[in-house]
Amino acid sequence: MRALKLTLFIIALVVFTTQTFRHIYVKYLYPRTSVLDNYKEEIEIKVDKTKSLDELEKLYKETNDKMKKIEKDDDNFKKNKEYKKLSDELDIIKNRIKKGEDINNRRNELVFYWLFGLICIMLGVVFYIIFNKWIGTAFVITGISEMIVWTSPLYRIRSYGFDDLLNLKLLLSIISWFILIILWVINEKIFDKK
């Protein structure tokens, strides 16, 4: 059992450590600008400045209302240059809203599954102490696996909420790393001495 625990501890420690350093790299060192930033359209700049989905929704509504007004006032609105421009802007805003909603969903999943992992670890410790070491170990492995999977690095998609999700993953990776170390110390000091 000791060899298994040691092997799994080392693997988990390596994964958490490399993930944490990758999060730090993306947060502090990864380039956030592009040459193409110099050629952004006005709507792209507006969309980039938004801080929430509510602001994006407001921008979407304003653009959509302008389009509806043109549709109402101009029978040949599809050939209207302003209408075409607004339609393109609406697509840009819509895509950003979808990315923002996806980030929000990922954040919720991250918290849920990370907490599930923490609960599995706590159950594992209880089972290990009270009932059966193998069942307890299985729960702890499940919990640590959940934490590893859900704190894994992000793709570098810059959009509303990306930095918040990155910060949350970084924080949970660091907390997971400490939980792993604490589990190992407790295991070494208490359980493996028996």
Protein backbone atom coordinates (compact mmCIF):
# COMPACT_ATOMS: atom_id res chain seq x y z
CA MET A 1 0.00 0.00 0.00
CA ARG A 2 2.85 2.41 0.82
CA ALA A 3 4.40 2.04 -2.65
CA LEU A 4 1.03 2.78 -4.29
CA LYS A 5 0.45 5.86 -2.12
CA LEU A 6 3.97 7.14 -2.74
CA THR A 7 3.66 6.67 -6.50
CA LEU A 8 0.28 8.40 -6.67
CA PHE A 9 1.48 11.21 -4.40
CA ILE A 10 4.48 11.92 -6.64
CA ILE A 11 2.36 11.84 -9.81
CA ALA A 12 -0.28 14.17 -8.32
CA LEU A 13 2.39 16.52 -6.95
CA VAL A 14 4.10 16.74 -10.34
CA VAL A 15 0.79 17.42 -12.10
CA PHE A 16 -0.37 20.09 -9.62
CA THR A 17 3.03 21.77 -9.66
CA THR A 18 3.28 21.91 -13.47
CA GLN A 19 -0.34 23.07 -13.80
CA THR A 20 0.20 25.82 -11.23
CA PHE A 21 3.30 27.08 -13.01
CA ARG A 22 1.49 27.02 -16.35
CA HIS A 23 -1.35 29.08 -14.86
CA ILE A 24 1.21 31.56 -13.51
CA TYR A 25 2.83 31.78 -16.95
CA VAL A 26 -0.47 32.44 -18.72
CA LYS A 27 -1.52 34.98 -16.07
CA TYR A 28 1.70 37.00 -15.89
CA LEU A 29 3.92 36.26 -18.92
CA TYR A 30 1.76 35.15 -21.84
CA PRO A 31 1.46 37.98 -24.40
CA ARG A 32 -1.98 39.59 -24.31
CA THR A 33 -1.61 41.77 -27.36
CA SER A 34 -1.40 41.12 -31.06
CA VAL A 35 -0.34 43.08 -34.12
CA LEU A 36 -3.94 42.67 -35.25
CA ASP A 37 -5.09 44.80 -32.30
CA ASN A 38 -4.07 47.83 -34.37
CA TYR A 39 -6.70 46.91 -36.97
CA LYS A 40 -9.70 46.24 -34.77
CA GLU A 41 -13.01 47.69 -35.77
CA GLU A 42 -14.82 50.07 -33.45
CA ILE A 43 -17.31 47.40 -32.33
CA GLU A 44 -14.50 44.99 -31.45
CA ILE A 45 -12.92 47.65 -29.26
CA LYS A 46 -16.29 48.31 -27.58
CA VAL A 47 -16.84 44.61 -27.00
CA ASP A 48 -13.32 44.20 -25.56
CA LYS A 49 -13.99 46.97 -23.05
CA THR A 50 -17.11 45.33 -21.64
CA LYS A 51 -16.72 43.88 -18.15
CA SER A 52 -19.83 41.72 -17.88
CA LEU A 53 -22.44 39.81 -19.82
CA ASP A 54 -24.96 42.48 -18.82
CA GLU A 55 -22.93 45.11 -20.67
CA LEU A 56 -22.70 42.83 -23.70
CA GLU A 57 -26.44 42.22 -23.58
CA LYS A 58 -27.07 45.97 -23.48
CA LEU A 59 -24.79 46.49 -26.48
CA TYR A 60 -26.56 43.65 -28.31
CA LYS A 61 -29.98 45.18 -27.60
CA GLU A 62 -28.90 48.63 -28.80
CA THR A 63 -27.53 47.23 -32.05
CA ASN A 64 -30.55 44.98 -32.56
CA ASP A 65 -32.94 47.90 -31.96
CA LYS A 66 -31.10 50.00 -34.58
CA MET A 67 -31.46 47.14 -37.06
CA LYS A 68 -35.19 46.81 -36.36
CA LYS A 69 -35.65 50.54 -36.89
CA ILE A 70 -33.96 50.32 -40.29
CA GLU A 71 -36.10 47.28 -41.16
CA LYS A 72 -39.21 49.25 -40.27
CA ASP A 73 -38.22 52.42 -42.14
CA ASP A 74 -36.55 50.94 -45.23
CA ASP A 75 -38.34 48.40 -47.44
CA ASN A 76 -35.06 47.55 -49.12
CA PHE A 77 -33.15 47.30 -45.82
CA LYS A 78 -31.00 44.29 -46.82
CA LYS A 79 -29.13 46.50 -49.30
CA ASN A 80 -28.69 49.27 -46.73
CA LYS A 81 -24.97 49.67 -45.85
CA GLU A 82 -25.73 50.72 -42.28
CA TYR A 83 -27.94 47.66 -41.84
CA LYS A 84 -25.17 45.38 -43.15
CA LYS A 85 -22.65 47.01 -40.78
CA LEU A 86 -25.02 46.59 -37.83
CA SER A 87 -25.63 42.95 -38.78
CA ASP A 88 -21.87 42.27 -38.75
CA GLU A 89 -21.57 44.04 -35.38
CA LEU A 90 -24.44 41.96 -34.01
CA ASP A 91 -22.58 38.78 -35.01
CA ILE A 92 -19.43 39.96 -33.21
CA ILE A 93 -21.41 40.76 -30.05
CA LYS A 94 -23.31 37.46 -30.24
CA ASN A 95 -20.07 35.48 -30.49
CA ARG A 96 -18.61 37.29 -27.49
CA ILE A 97 -21.78 36.63 -25.47
CA LYS A 98 -21.55 32.92 -26.31
CA LYS A 99 -17.90 32.82 -25.22
CA GLY A 100 -18.78 34.67 -22.00
CA GLU A 101 -21.59 32.24 -21.22
CA ASP A 102 -19.24 29.34 -21.90
CA ILE A 103 -16.67 30.79 -19.47
CA ASN A 104 -19.39 31.20 -16.81
CA ASN A 105 -20.45 27.58 -17.29
CA ARG A 106 -16.84 26.42 -17.01
CA ARG A 107 -16.41 28.41 -13.79
CA ASN A 108 -19.51 26.77 -12.29
CA GLU A 109 -18.34 23.32 -13.36
CA LEU A 110 -14.87 23.97 -11.93
CA VAL A 111 -16.20 24.93 -8.51
CA PHE A 112 -18.73 22.07 -8.42
CA TYR A 113 -16.31 19.31 -9.42
CA TRP A 114 -13.43 20.67 -7.33
CA LEU A 115 -15.72 20.66 -4.27
CA PHE A 116 -16.82 17.14 -5.22
CA GLY A 117 -13.14 16.17 -5.21
CA LEU A 118 -12.69 17.73 -1.77
CA ILE A 119 -15.71 15.82 -0.44
CA CYS A 120 -14.29 12.57 -1.86
CA ILE A 121 -10.98 13.25 -0.11
CA MET A 122 -12.74 13.88 3.21
CA LEU A 123 -14.83 10.71 2.79
CA GLY A 124 -11.67 8.83 1.88
CA VAL A 125 -9.92 9.92 5.05
CA VAL A 126 -12.94 8.88 7.12
CA PHE A 127 -13.16 5.50 5.38
CA TYR A 128 -9.41 5.02 5.73
CA ILE A 129 -9.54 5.64 9.48
CA ILE A 130 -12.81 3.89 10.35
CA PHE A 131 -13.63 1.19 7.80
CA ASN A 132 -11.16 0.08 5.18
CA LYS A 133 -7.84 1.48 3.96
CA TRP A 134 -8.39 0.42 0.34
CA ILE A 135 -11.83 2.01 0.08
CA GLY A 136 -10.50 5.13 1.76
CA THR A 137 -7.56 5.25 -0.63
CA ALA A 138 -9.92 4.84 -3.61
CA PHE A 139 -11.99 7.84 -2.45
CA VAL A 140 -8.86 9.96 -1.94
CA ILE A 141 -7.59 9.01 -5.42
CA THR A 142 -10.98 9.92 -6.89
CA GLY A 143 -10.96 13.28 -5.13
CA ILE A 144 -7.44 14.18 -6.18
CA SER A 145 -8.20 13.06 -9.75
CA GLU A 146 -11.23 15.38 -9.89
CA MET A 147 -9.12 18.26 -8.63
CA ILE A 148 -6.40 17.54 -11.21
CA VAL A 149 -8.83 17.32 -14.12
CA TRP A 150 -10.82 20.43 -13.27
CA THR A 151 -7.83 22.64 -12.47
CA SER A 152 -6.10 21.64 -15.71
CA PRO A 153 -4.88 24.51 -17.89
CA LEU A 154 -7.14 26.54 -20.13
CA TYR A 155 -6.86 27.15 -23.80
CA ARG A 156 -5.69 30.70 -24.29
CA ILE A 157 -9.00 32.09 -25.53
CA ARG A 158 -9.18 35.72 -24.54
CA SER A 159 -12.71 36.78 -23.84
CA TYR A 160 -14.90 38.16 -21.10
CA GLY A 161 -14.33 36.15 -17.92
CA PHE A 162 -11.15 34.38 -19.05
CA ASP A 163 -8.98 36.07 -16.43
CA ASP A 164 -11.50 35.31 -13.68
CA LEU A 165 -11.54 31.64 -14.65
CA LEU A 166 -7.75 31.57 -14.87
CA ASN A 167 -7.46 33.17 -11.41
CA LEU A 168 -9.89 30.62 -9.98
CA LYS A 169 -7.98 27.70 -11.53
CA LEU A 170 -4.71 29.10 -10.20
CA LEU A 171 -6.13 29.51 -6.70
CA LEU A 172 -7.68 26.03 -6.65
CA SER A 173 -4.47 24.49 -8.03
CA ILE A 174 -2.48 26.04 -5.21
CA ILE A 175 -5.04 24.96 -2.59
CA SER A 176 -5.06 21.44 -4.09
CA TRP A 177 -1.28 21.34 -3.92
CA PHE A 178 -1.38 22.23 -0.21
CA ILE A 179 -4.14 19.68 0.45
CA LEU A 180 -1.99 17.03 -1.19
CA ILE A 181 1.04 17.96 0.92
CA ILE A 182 -1.06 18.00 4.11
CA LEU A 183 -2.52 14.58 3.26
CA TRP A 184 0.96 13.22 2.74
CA VAL A 185 2.29 14.66 6.00
CA ILE A 186 -0.70 13.27 7.93
CA ASN A 187 -0.21 9.92 6.25
CA GLU A 188 3.49 9.83 7.12
CA LYS A 189 3.12 11.04 10.72
CA ILE A 190 0.00 9.12 11.76
CA PHE A 191 -1.05 6.26 9.50
CA ASP A 192 2.25 4.83 8.30
CA LYS A 193 3.64 4.75 11.86
CA LYS A 194 0.99 2.20 12.90
